[in-house]
Amino acid sequence: MKRSCPHCKSEMIEDCKVNVEGGMYGIKISQKGKGILNSISAKPKAAVCPNCGYVAFYIDEYKEFDR
């Protein structure tokens, strides 16, 4: 799925890594499950617009998260 920038409608560059400067751990998106060992987590990626610099975060494992 190609992402387009919501500001200028250019095609975004996907699959960029997300890291916290000064830390080697990065960030993680998680959701607590219904049991003790049923938590779900994913490492976010970033998409960057080469035209205006807008950045969007996304995860590939979005279907594993419940509402």
PDB file of N, CA and C in Angstrom:
ATOM      1  N   MET A   1       0.840  -1.171   0.000  1.00  0.00           N
ATOM      2  CA  MET A   1       0.000   0.000   0.000  1.00  0.00           C
ATOM      3  C   MET A   1       0.894   1.246   0.000  1.00  0.00           C
ATOM      4  N   LYS A   2       0.789   2.017  -1.023  1.00  0.00           N
ATOM      5  CA  LYS A   2       1.560   3.260  -1.104  1.00  0.00           C
ATOM      6  C   LYS A   2       0.867   4.333  -0.272  1.00  0.00           C
ATOM      7  N   ARG A   3       1.641   5.034   0.513  1.00  0.00           N
ATOM      8  CA  ARG A   3       1.104   6.117   1.333  1.00  0.00           C
ATOM      9  C   ARG A   3       1.322   7.438   0.614  1.00  0.00           C
ATOM     10  N   SER A   4       0.296   8.283   0.675  1.00  0.00           N
ATOM     11  CA  SER A   4       0.454   9.619   0.103  1.00  0.00           C
ATOM     12  C   SER A   4       0.344  10.637   1.224  1.00  0.00           C
ATOM     13  N   CYS A   5       1.076  11.703   1.098  1.00  0.00           N
ATOM     14  CA  CYS A   5       1.129  12.755   2.109  1.00  0.00           C
ATOM     15  C   CYS A   5      -0.236  13.432   2.209  1.00  0.00           C
ATOM     16  N   PRO A   6      -0.792  13.560   3.424  1.00  0.00           N
ATOM     17  CA  PRO A   6      -2.090  14.223   3.558  1.00  0.00           C
ATOM     18  C   PRO A   6      -2.018  15.741   3.325  1.00  0.00           C
ATOM     19  N   HIS A   7      -0.810  16.300   3.300  1.00  0.00           N
ATOM     20  CA  HIS A   7      -0.648  17.747   3.121  1.00  0.00           C
ATOM     21  C   HIS A   7      -0.464  18.135   1.658  1.00  0.00           C
ATOM     22  N   CYS A   8       0.437  17.444   0.962  1.00  0.00           N
ATOM     23  CA  CYS A   8       0.746  17.853  -0.415  1.00  0.00           C
ATOM     24  C   CYS A   8       0.458  16.759  -1.448  1.00  0.00           C
ATOM     25  N   LYS A   9      -0.013  15.594  -0.988  1.00  0.00           N
ATOM     26  CA  LYS A   9      -0.425  14.471  -1.857  1.00  0.00           C
ATOM     27  C   LYS A   9       0.726  13.803  -2.609  1.00  0.00           C
ATOM     28  N   SER A  10       1.978  14.059  -2.227  1.00  0.00           N
ATOM     29  CA  SER A  10       3.130  13.384  -2.841  1.00  0.00           C
ATOM     30  C   SER A  10       3.227  11.963  -2.304  1.00  0.00           C
ATOM     31  N   GLU A  11       3.865  11.075  -3.054  1.00  0.00           N
ATOM     32  CA  GLU A  11       4.097   9.712  -2.585  1.00  0.00           C
ATOM     33  C   GLU A  11       5.182   9.730  -1.514  1.00  0.00           C
ATOM     34  N   MET A  12       4.915   9.059  -0.393  1.00  0.00           N
ATOM     35  CA  MET A  12       5.839   9.069   0.742  1.00  0.00           C
ATOM     36  C   MET A  12       6.856   7.939   0.628  1.00  0.00           C
ATOM     37  N   ILE A  13       8.024   8.153   1.203  1.00  0.00           N
ATOM     38  CA  ILE A  13       9.069   7.128   1.279  1.00  0.00           C
ATOM     39  C   ILE A  13       8.790   6.322   2.540  1.00  0.00           C
ATOM     40  N   GLU A  14       8.568   5.013   2.389  1.00  0.00           N
ATOM     41  CA  GLU A  14       8.175   4.164   3.508  1.00  0.00           C
ATOM     42  C   GLU A  14       9.351   3.358   4.052  1.00  0.00           C
ATOM     43  N   ASP A  15       9.068   2.621   5.115  1.00  0.00           N
ATOM     44  CA  ASP A  15       9.985   1.663   5.732  1.00  0.00           C
ATOM     45  C   ASP A  15      11.226   2.325   6.340  1.00  0.00           C
ATOM     46  N   CYS A  16      11.055   3.539   6.865  1.00  0.00           N
ATOM     47  CA  CYS A  16      12.152   4.220   7.548  1.00  0.00           C
ATOM     48  C   CYS A  16      12.183   3.767   9.006  1.00  0.00           C
ATOM     49  N   LYS A  17      13.359   3.603   9.566  1.00  0.00           N
ATOM     50  CA  LYS A  17      13.502   3.178  10.955  1.00  0.00           C
ATOM     51  C   LYS A  17      13.221   4.337  11.900  1.00  0.00           C
ATOM     52  N   VAL A  18      12.738   3.991  13.102  1.00  0.00           N
ATOM     53  CA  VAL A  18      12.455   4.984  14.141  1.00  0.00           C
ATOM     54  C   VAL A  18      13.346   4.675  15.340  1.00  0.00           C
ATOM     55  N   ASN A  19      14.174   5.614  15.736  1.00  0.00           N
ATOM     56  CA  ASN A  19      15.052   5.452  16.898  1.00  0.00           C
ATOM     57  C   ASN A  19      14.983   6.703  17.762  1.00  0.00           C
ATOM     58  N   VAL A  20      15.196   6.508  19.052  1.00  0.00           N
ATOM     59  CA  VAL A  20      15.288   7.636  19.971  1.00  0.00           C
ATOM     60  C   VAL A  20      16.763   8.004  20.064  1.00  0.00           C
ATOM     61  N   GLU A  21      17.087   9.250  19.793  1.00  0.00           N
ATOM     62  CA  GLU A  21      18.480   9.677  19.812  1.00  0.00           C
ATOM     63  C   GLU A  21      19.045   9.536  21.223  1.00  0.00           C
ATOM     64  N   GLY A  22      20.226   8.948  21.329  1.00  0.00           N
ATOM     65  CA  GLY A  22      20.855   8.730  22.623  1.00  0.00           C
ATOM     66  C   GLY A  22      20.461   7.402  23.247  1.00  0.00           C
ATOM     67  N   GLY A  23      19.509   6.709  22.664  1.00  0.00           N
ATOM     68  CA  GLY A  23      19.084   5.405  23.182  1.00  0.00           C
ATOM     69  C   GLY A  23      19.125   4.375  22.074  1.00  0.00           C
ATOM     70  N   MET A  24      19.405   3.162  22.421  1.00  0.00           N
ATOM     71  CA  MET A  24      19.495   2.097  21.422  1.00  0.00           C
ATOM     72  C   MET A  24      18.208   1.290  21.347  1.00  0.00           C
ATOM     73  N   TYR A  25      17.217   1.640  22.124  1.00  0.00           N
ATOM     74  CA  TYR A  25      16.030   0.814  22.224  1.00  0.00           C
ATOM     75  C   TYR A  25      14.935   1.187  21.242  1.00  0.00           C
ATOM     76  N   GLY A  26      14.865   2.404  20.781  1.00  0.00           N
ATOM     77  CA  GLY A  26      13.796   2.830  19.902  1.00  0.00           C
ATOM     78  C   GLY A  26      12.503   2.946  20.675  1.00  0.00           C
ATOM     79  N   ILE A  27      11.364   2.886  19.988  1.00  0.00           N
ATOM     80  CA  ILE A  27      10.069   2.918  20.653  1.00  0.00           C
ATOM     81  C   ILE A  27       9.255   1.707  20.236  1.00  0.00           C
ATOM     82  N   LYS A  28       8.240   1.382  21.036  1.00  0.00           N
ATOM     83  CA  LYS A  28       7.424   0.211  20.771  1.00  0.00           C
ATOM     84  C   LYS A  28       5.970   0.566  21.052  1.00  0.00           C
ATOM     85  N   ILE A  29       5.070   0.086  20.205  1.00  0.00           N
ATOM     86  CA  ILE A  29       3.635   0.256  20.391  1.00  0.00           C
ATOM     87  C   ILE A  29       3.126  -1.049  20.985  1.00  0.00           C
ATOM     88  N   SER A  30       2.342  -0.979  22.083  1.00  0.00           N
ATOM     89  CA  SER A  30       1.869  -2.215  22.701  1.00  0.00           C
ATOM     90  C   SER A  30       0.432  -2.070  23.169  1.00  0.00           C
ATOM     91  N   GLN A  31      -0.218  -3.222  23.313  1.00  0.00           N
ATOM     92  CA  GLN A  31      -1.582  -3.303  23.816  1.00  0.00           C
ATOM     93  C   GLN A  31      -1.646  -4.472  24.776  1.00  0.00           C
ATOM     94  N   LYS A  32      -2.174  -4.219  25.962  1.00  0.00           N
ATOM     95  CA  LYS A  32      -2.291  -5.276  26.958  1.00  0.00           C
ATOM     96  C   LYS A  32      -3.438  -6.203  26.556  1.00  0.00           C
ATOM     97  N   GLY A  33      -3.160  -7.508  26.593  1.00  0.00           N
ATOM     98  CA  GLY A  33      -4.166  -8.491  26.241  1.00  0.00           C
ATOM     99  C   GLY A  33      -5.036  -8.879  27.414  1.00  0.00           C
ATOM    100  N   LYS A  34      -5.891  -9.865  27.201  1.00  0.00           N
ATOM    101  CA  LYS A  34      -6.824 -10.295  28.237  1.00  0.00           C
ATOM    102  C   LYS A  34      -6.195 -11.235  29.252  1.00  0.00           C
ATOM    103  N   GLY A  35      -5.087 -11.865  28.922  1.00  0.00           N
ATOM    104  CA  GLY A  35      -4.401 -12.754  29.844  1.00  0.00           C
ATOM    105  C   GLY A  35      -3.049 -12.196  30.232  1.00  0.00           C
ATOM    106  N   ILE A  36      -2.322 -12.951  31.024  1.00  0.00           N
ATOM    107  CA  ILE A  36      -1.015 -12.489  31.484  1.00  0.00           C
ATOM    108  C   ILE A  36      -0.014 -12.400  30.327  1.00  0.00           C
ATOM    109  N   LEU A  37      -0.024 -13.392  29.456  1.00  0.00           N
ATOM    110  CA  LEU A  37       0.966 -13.446  28.372  1.00  0.00           C
ATOM    111  C   LEU A  37       0.386 -13.049  27.019  1.00  0.00           C
ATOM    112  N   ASN A  38      -0.737 -12.375  26.993  1.00  0.00           N
ATOM    113  CA  ASN A  38      -1.396 -12.061  25.737  1.00  0.00           C
ATOM    114  C   ASN A  38      -1.193 -10.634  25.263  1.00  0.00           C
ATOM    115  N   SER A  39      -0.113 -10.003  25.636  1.00  0.00           N
ATOM    116  CA  SER A  39       0.120  -8.637  25.163  1.00  0.00           C
ATOM    117  C   SER A  39       0.637  -8.667  23.721  1.00  0.00           C
ATOM    118  N   ILE A  40       0.351  -7.618  23.009  1.00  0.00           N
ATOM    119  CA  ILE A  40       0.752  -7.489  21.611  1.00  0.00           C
ATOM    120  C   ILE A  40       1.649  -6.271  21.508  1.00  0.00           C
ATOM    121  N   SER A  41       2.715  -6.377  20.733  1.00  0.00           N
ATOM    122  CA  SER A  41       3.580  -5.219  20.541  1.00  0.00           C
ATOM    123  C   SER A  41       4.110  -5.197  19.113  1.00  0.00           C
ATOM    124  N   ALA A  42       4.480  -4.020  18.669  1.00  0.00           N
ATOM    125  CA  ALA A  42       5.016  -3.843  17.326  1.00  0.00           C
ATOM    126  C   ALA A  42       5.973  -2.661  17.332  1.00  0.00           C
ATOM    127  N   LYS A  43       6.978  -2.739  16.511  1.00  0.00           N
ATOM    128  CA  LYS A  43       7.905  -1.625  16.345  1.00  0.00           C
ATOM    129  C   LYS A  43       7.389  -0.748  15.209  1.00  0.00           C
ATOM    130  N   PRO A  44       7.225   0.550  15.473  1.00  0.00           N
ATOM    131  CA  PRO A  44       6.719   1.432  14.420  1.00  0.00           C
ATOM    132  C   PRO A  44       7.781   1.737  13.371  1.00  0.00           C
ATOM    133  N   LYS A  45       7.303   2.015  12.178  1.00  0.00           N
ATOM    134  CA  LYS A  45       8.141   2.485  11.081  1.00  0.00           C
ATOM    135  C   LYS A  45       7.655   3.886  10.737  1.00  0.00           C
ATOM    136  N   ALA A  46       8.403   4.574   9.933  1.00  0.00           N
ATOM    137  CA  ALA A  46       8.013   5.923   9.536  1.00  0.00           C
ATOM    138  C   ALA A  46       7.957   6.025   8.023  1.00  0.00           C
ATOM    139  N   ALA A  47       7.048   6.862   7.555  1.00  0.00           N
ATOM    140  CA  ALA A  47       6.980   7.240   6.149  1.00  0.00           C
ATOM    141  C   ALA A  47       7.256   8.741   6.095  1.00  0.00           C
ATOM    142  N   VAL A  48       8.111   9.145   5.162  1.00  0.00           N
ATOM    143  CA  VAL A  48       8.545  10.541   5.079  1.00  0.00           C
ATOM    144  C   VAL A  48       8.178  11.103   3.709  1.00  0.00           C
ATOM    145  N   CYS A  49       7.610  12.291   3.710  1.00  0.00           N
ATOM    146  CA  CYS A  49       7.291  12.961   2.450  1.00  0.00           C
ATOM    147  C   CYS A  49       8.540  13.687   1.948  1.00  0.00           C
ATOM    148  N   PRO A  50       9.015  13.358   0.742  1.00  0.00           N
ATOM    149  CA  PRO A  50      10.213  14.028   0.230  1.00  0.00           C
ATOM    150  C   PRO A  50       9.939  15.446  -0.262  1.00  0.00           C
ATOM    151  N   ASN A  51       8.669  15.818  -0.361  1.00  0.00           N
ATOM    152  CA  ASN A  51       8.317  17.141  -0.867  1.00  0.00           C
ATOM    153  C   ASN A  51       8.183  18.184   0.252  1.00  0.00           C
ATOM    154  N   CYS A  52       7.485  17.827   1.356  1.00  0.00           N
ATOM    155  CA  CYS A  52       7.236  18.828   2.405  1.00  0.00           C
ATOM    156  C   CYS A  52       7.811  18.435   3.766  1.00  0.00           C
ATOM    157  N   GLY A  53       8.312  17.197   3.924  1.00  0.00           N
ATOM    158  CA  GLY A  53       8.935  16.780   5.171  1.00  0.00           C
ATOM    159  C   GLY A  53       7.985  16.187   6.189  1.00  0.00           C
ATOM    160  N   TYR A  54       6.714  16.040   5.863  1.00  0.00           N
ATOM    161  CA  TYR A  54       5.747  15.443   6.793  1.00  0.00           C
ATOM    162  C   TYR A  54       6.175  14.008   7.115  1.00  0.00           C
ATOM    163  N   VAL A  55       6.025  13.593   8.393  1.00  0.00           N
ATOM    164  CA  VAL A  55       6.388  12.252   8.836  1.00  0.00           C
ATOM    165  C   VAL A  55       5.154  11.579   9.422  1.00  0.00           C
ATOM    166  N   ALA A  56       4.897  10.327   9.024  1.00  0.00           N
ATOM    167  CA  ALA A  56       3.790   9.542   9.560  1.00  0.00           C
ATOM    168  C   ALA A  56       4.350   8.237  10.111  1.00  0.00           C
ATOM    169  N   PHE A  57       3.904   7.842  11.303  1.00  0.00           N
ATOM    170  CA  PHE A  57       4.300   6.567  11.888  1.00  0.00           C
ATOM    171  C   PHE A  57       3.245   5.519  11.565  1.00  0.00           C
ATOM    172  N   TYR A  58       3.681   4.262  11.361  1.00  0.00           N
ATOM    173  CA  TYR A  58       2.763   3.165  11.100  1.00  0.00           C
ATOM    174  C   TYR A  58       3.392   1.860  11.564  1.00  0.00           C
ATOM    175  N   ILE A  59       2.545   0.826  11.711  1.00  0.00           N
ATOM    176  CA  ILE A  59       3.037  -0.515  12.026  1.00  0.00           C
ATOM    177  C   ILE A  59       2.484  -1.476  10.986  1.00  0.00           C
ATOM    178  N   ASP A  60       3.247  -2.513  10.681  1.00  0.00           N
ATOM    179  CA  ASP A  60       2.805  -3.521   9.724  1.00  0.00           C
ATOM    180  C   ASP A  60       1.829  -4.509  10.353  1.00  0.00           C
ATOM    181  N   GLU A  61       1.918  -4.710  11.673  1.00  0.00           N
ATOM    182  CA  GLU A  61       1.117  -5.720  12.372  1.00  0.00           C
ATOM    183  C   GLU A  61      -0.192  -5.158  12.922  1.00  0.00           C
ATOM    184  N   TYR A  62      -0.798  -4.202  12.247  1.00  0.00           N
ATOM    185  CA  TYR A  62      -1.986  -3.530  12.772  1.00  0.00           C
ATOM    186  C   TYR A  62      -3.187  -4.451  12.948  1.00  0.00           C
ATOM    187  N   LYS A  63      -3.292  -5.527  12.205  1.00  0.00           N
ATOM    188  CA  LYS A  63      -4.419  -6.438  12.305  1.00  0.00           C
ATOM    189  C   LYS A  63      -4.408  -7.244  13.598  1.00  0.00           C
ATOM    190  N   GLU A  64      -3.263  -7.325  14.267  1.00  0.00           N
ATOM    191  CA  GLU A  64      -3.168  -8.072  15.528  1.00  0.00           C
ATOM    192  C   GLU A  64      -3.714  -7.284  16.719  1.00  0.00           C
ATOM    193  N   PHE A  65      -3.928  -5.985  16.552  1.00  0.00           N
ATOM    194  CA  PHE A  65      -4.430  -5.151  17.633  1.00  0.00           C
ATOM    195  C   PHE A  65      -5.960  -5.159  17.629  1.00  0.00           C
ATOM    196  N   ASP A  66      -6.534  -5.327  18.831  1.00  0.00           N
ATOM    197  CA  ASP A  66      -7.990  -5.308  18.989  1.00  0.00           C
ATOM    198  C   ASP A  66      -8.454  -3.926  19.370  1.00  0.00           C
ATOM    199  N   ARG A  67      -9.712  -3.709  19.227  1.00  0.00           N
ATOM    200  CA  ARG A  67     -10.297  -2.444  19.685  1.00  0.00           C
ATOM    201  C   ARG A  67     -10.947  -2.652  21.013  1.00  0.00           C
TER     202      ARG A  67
END
